Protein backbone atom coordinates (compact mmCIF):
# COMPACT_ATOMS: atom_id res chain seq x y z
CA UNK A 1 3.50 94.01 -125.36
CA UNK A 2 2.57 97.63 -126.16
CA UNK A 3 6.11 98.74 -125.23
CA UNK A 4 7.64 96.08 -127.51
CA UNK A 5 5.51 97.27 -130.43
CA UNK A 6 6.59 100.88 -129.85
CA UNK A 7 10.22 99.79 -129.49
CA UNK A 8 10.11 98.06 -132.87
CA UNK A 9 8.98 101.27 -134.56
CA UNK A 10 11.53 103.40 -132.67
CA UNK A 11 14.26 100.88 -133.50
CA UNK A 12 13.69 101.51 -137.21
CA UNK A 13 14.12 105.25 -136.63
CA UNK A 14 17.23 104.87 -134.46
CA UNK A 15 18.89 102.32 -136.73
CA UNK A 16 18.67 104.58 -139.82
CA UNK A 17 21.57 106.94 -138.96
CA UNK A 18 23.59 104.01 -137.60
CA UNK A 19 23.23 102.19 -140.93
CA UNK A 20 24.24 105.39 -142.72
CA UNK A 21 27.43 105.62 -140.63
CA UNK A 22 28.19 101.92 -141.12
CA UNK A 23 27.99 102.38 -144.90
CA UNK A 24 29.54 105.79 -145.50
CA UNK A 25 32.06 106.16 -142.69
CA UNK A 26 33.03 102.64 -141.64
CA UNK A 27 32.36 100.77 -144.92
CA UNK A 28 31.01 97.91 -142.81
CA UNK A 29 28.54 96.64 -145.37
CA UNK A 30 27.94 93.30 -143.65
CA UNK A 31 26.96 94.99 -140.39
CA UNK A 32 24.87 97.54 -142.27
CA UNK A 33 23.08 94.74 -144.13
CA UNK A 34 22.44 92.80 -140.92
CA UNK A 35 21.08 95.85 -139.13
CA UNK A 36 19.01 96.85 -142.16
CA UNK A 37 17.43 93.39 -142.45
CA UNK A 38 16.54 93.44 -138.77
CA UNK A 39 15.26 97.04 -138.93
CA UNK A 40 13.19 96.45 -142.07
CA UNK A 41 11.67 93.30 -140.57
CA UNK A 42 10.34 95.39 -137.68
CA UNK A 43 8.05 97.07 -140.23
CA UNK A 44 6.15 93.79 -140.49
CA UNK A 45 6.33 92.78 -136.84
CA UNK A 46 5.15 96.01 -135.24
CA UNK A 47 2.02 96.05 -137.42
CA UNK A 48 1.37 92.34 -137.00
CA UNK A 49 1.70 92.45 -133.22
CA UNK A 50 -0.37 95.63 -132.91
CA UNK A 51 -3.22 94.02 -134.85
CA UNK A 52 -2.92 90.66 -133.11
CA UNK A 53 -2.99 92.11 -129.59
CA UNK A 54 -5.32 95.00 -130.48
CA UNK A 55 -2.71 97.65 -129.60
CA UNK A 56 -3.28 99.73 -132.71
CA UNK A 57 -2.99 103.42 -131.96
CA UNK A 58 -3.14 106.73 -133.77
CA UNK A 59 0.49 107.38 -132.79
CA UNK A 60 1.48 104.00 -134.23
CA UNK A 61 -0.38 104.71 -137.47
CA UNK A 62 1.49 108.01 -137.78
CA UNK A 63 4.94 106.81 -136.69
CA UNK A 64 5.06 103.57 -138.68
CA UNK A 65 5.18 105.14 -142.16
CA UNK A 66 7.45 107.92 -140.88
CA UNK A 67 9.87 105.32 -139.52
CA UNK A 68 9.92 103.68 -142.98
CA UNK A 69 10.58 107.05 -144.65
CA UNK A 70 13.42 107.84 -142.25
CA UNK A 71 15.01 104.44 -142.85
CA UNK A 72 14.82 104.62 -146.64
CA UNK A 73 15.92 108.26 -146.74
CA UNK A 74 19.12 107.51 -144.82
CA UNK A 75 19.72 104.41 -146.91
CA UNK A 76 19.18 106.13 -150.25
CA UNK A 77 21.54 108.96 -149.31
CA UNK A 78 24.16 106.48 -148.07
CA UNK A 79 23.92 104.39 -151.26
CA UNK A 80 24.15 107.47 -153.49
CA UNK A 81 27.33 108.52 -151.67
CA UNK A 82 28.84 105.05 -151.55
CA UNK A 83 28.00 103.95 -155.09
CA UNK A 84 28.37 107.37 -156.75
CA UNK A 85 25.38 106.29 -158.82
CA UNK A 86 23.31 108.71 -160.87
CA UNK A 87 20.73 105.93 -161.32
CA UNK A 88 20.34 105.34 -157.57
CA UNK A 89 20.28 109.10 -157.05
CA UNK A 90 17.54 109.72 -159.62
CA UNK A 91 15.38 106.72 -158.73
CA UNK A 92 15.94 107.30 -155.02
CA UNK A 93 14.95 110.93 -155.44
CA UNK A 94 11.77 109.93 -157.27
CA UNK A 95 10.93 107.46 -154.48
CA UNK A 96 11.47 110.14 -151.85
CA UNK A 97 9.31 112.64 -153.75
CA UNK A 98 6.48 110.11 -153.75
CA UNK A 99 6.97 109.39 -150.04
CA UNK A 100 6.75 113.06 -149.11
CA UNK A 101 3.83 113.64 -151.48
CA UNK A 102 1.86 110.75 -150.01
CA UNK A 103 2.65 112.00 -146.50
CA UNK A 104 1.20 115.38 -147.51
CA UNK A 105 -1.88 113.68 -148.97
CA UNK A 106 -2.36 111.72 -145.75
CA UNK A 107 -2.14 114.89 -143.70
CA UNK A 108 -4.56 116.66 -146.05
CA UNK A 109 -7.02 113.77 -145.93
CA UNK A 110 -6.79 113.53 -142.14
CA UNK A 111 -7.68 117.22 -141.88
CA UNK A 112 -10.62 116.65 -144.25
CA UNK A 113 -11.84 113.60 -142.33
CA UNK A 114 -11.09 111.38 -145.34
CA UNK A 115 -8.23 109.22 -144.08
CA UNK A 116 -9.61 106.22 -145.96
CA UNK A 117 -8.46 107.81 -149.24
CA UNK A 118 -4.84 107.19 -148.32
CA UNK A 119 -5.08 104.04 -146.23
CA UNK A 120 -2.12 101.76 -146.87
CA UNK A 121 -2.88 99.37 -149.72
CA UNK A 122 -1.54 95.90 -150.42
CA UNK A 123 0.35 97.26 -153.42
CA UNK A 124 2.02 99.87 -151.19
CA UNK A 125 3.13 97.08 -148.84
CA UNK A 126 4.55 95.20 -151.84
CA UNK A 127 6.35 98.40 -152.89
CA UNK A 128 7.98 98.70 -149.48
CA UNK A 129 9.03 95.04 -149.58
CA UNK A 130 10.59 95.42 -153.04
CA UNK A 131 12.40 98.58 -151.91
CA UNK A 132 13.80 96.68 -148.94
CA UNK A 133 14.89 93.82 -151.25
CA UNK A 134 16.63 96.32 -153.55
CA UNK A 135 18.43 98.04 -150.68
CA UNK A 136 19.46 94.69 -149.20
CA UNK A 137 20.76 93.73 -152.65
CA UNK A 138 22.90 96.87 -152.85
CA UNK A 139 24.34 96.20 -149.40
CA UNK A 140 24.97 92.54 -150.22
CA UNK A 141 26.63 93.54 -153.51
CA UNK A 142 28.87 95.98 -151.66
CA UNK A 143 29.68 93.41 -148.97
CA UNK A 144 30.55 90.68 -151.47
CA UNK A 145 31.95 93.12 -154.03
CA UNK A 146 29.71 91.47 -156.60
CA UNK A 147 28.59 93.50 -159.63
CA UNK A 148 25.87 90.98 -160.61
CA UNK A 149 24.12 91.39 -157.26
CA UNK A 150 24.38 95.17 -157.59
CA UNK A 151 22.90 94.95 -161.10
CA UNK A 152 19.99 92.88 -159.78
CA UNK A 153 19.49 95.43 -157.01
CA UNK A 154 19.23 98.13 -159.70
CA UNK A 155 16.51 96.06 -161.38
CA UNK A 156 14.56 95.72 -158.11
CA UNK A 157 14.98 99.44 -157.43
CA UNK A 158 13.53 100.22 -160.88
CA UNK A 159 10.64 97.83 -160.21
CA UNK A 160 10.07 99.58 -156.88
CA UNK A 161 10.00 102.91 -158.73
CA UNK A 162 7.25 101.71 -161.08
CA UNK A 163 5.12 100.52 -158.16
CA UNK A 164 5.98 103.69 -156.23
CA UNK A 165 4.64 105.86 -159.05
CA UNK A 166 1.53 103.68 -159.41
CA UNK A 167 0.65 103.84 -155.70
CA UNK A 168 1.38 107.56 -155.59
CA UNK A 169 -1.00 108.13 -158.49
CA UNK A 170 -3.65 105.92 -156.87
CA UNK A 171 -3.48 107.86 -153.61
CA UNK A 172 -3.60 111.15 -155.52
CA UNK A 173 -6.66 110.13 -157.54
CA UNK A 174 -8.42 108.81 -154.42
CA UNK A 175 -7.72 112.09 -152.64
CA UNK A 176 -8.98 114.40 -155.38
CA UNK A 177 -11.84 112.42 -156.87
CA UNK A 178 -15.20 114.04 -156.35
């Protein structure tokens, strides 16, 4: 079971550049969407199985959020290139800034023995889910060539940005409060 849990996390990392190539080089949006849905679902399953079978590990706690960041980074870059969208570029950039900032806060807190300040919150899990819905929407819109779906994906991406900023601020305040 431990190997399956690790595989699920590694799969998210490995699938990220493949999804990028499917979008930008091959324009295979249906395959990219399918792979993205499967890869993003591993975010839930690796954590669930690790908790259920008591296989939680420090490596897993470190790799899981990194795997998410790798997946969304490749996807944001691919969508910026494919959609030529200033909106996706700006919002995606803001999301990535928060992701790297929170990673730095987690590292800082770990070195200070205060990891609880940046433990993953329920709102952060909701943020990740909304990001995944937005990215799936963009891929579905590209696959179906449907502007309404793409518009809705923009809405979800903006919603994800609001929650992203909120969770980033919460982690920052928890880190620096005296």
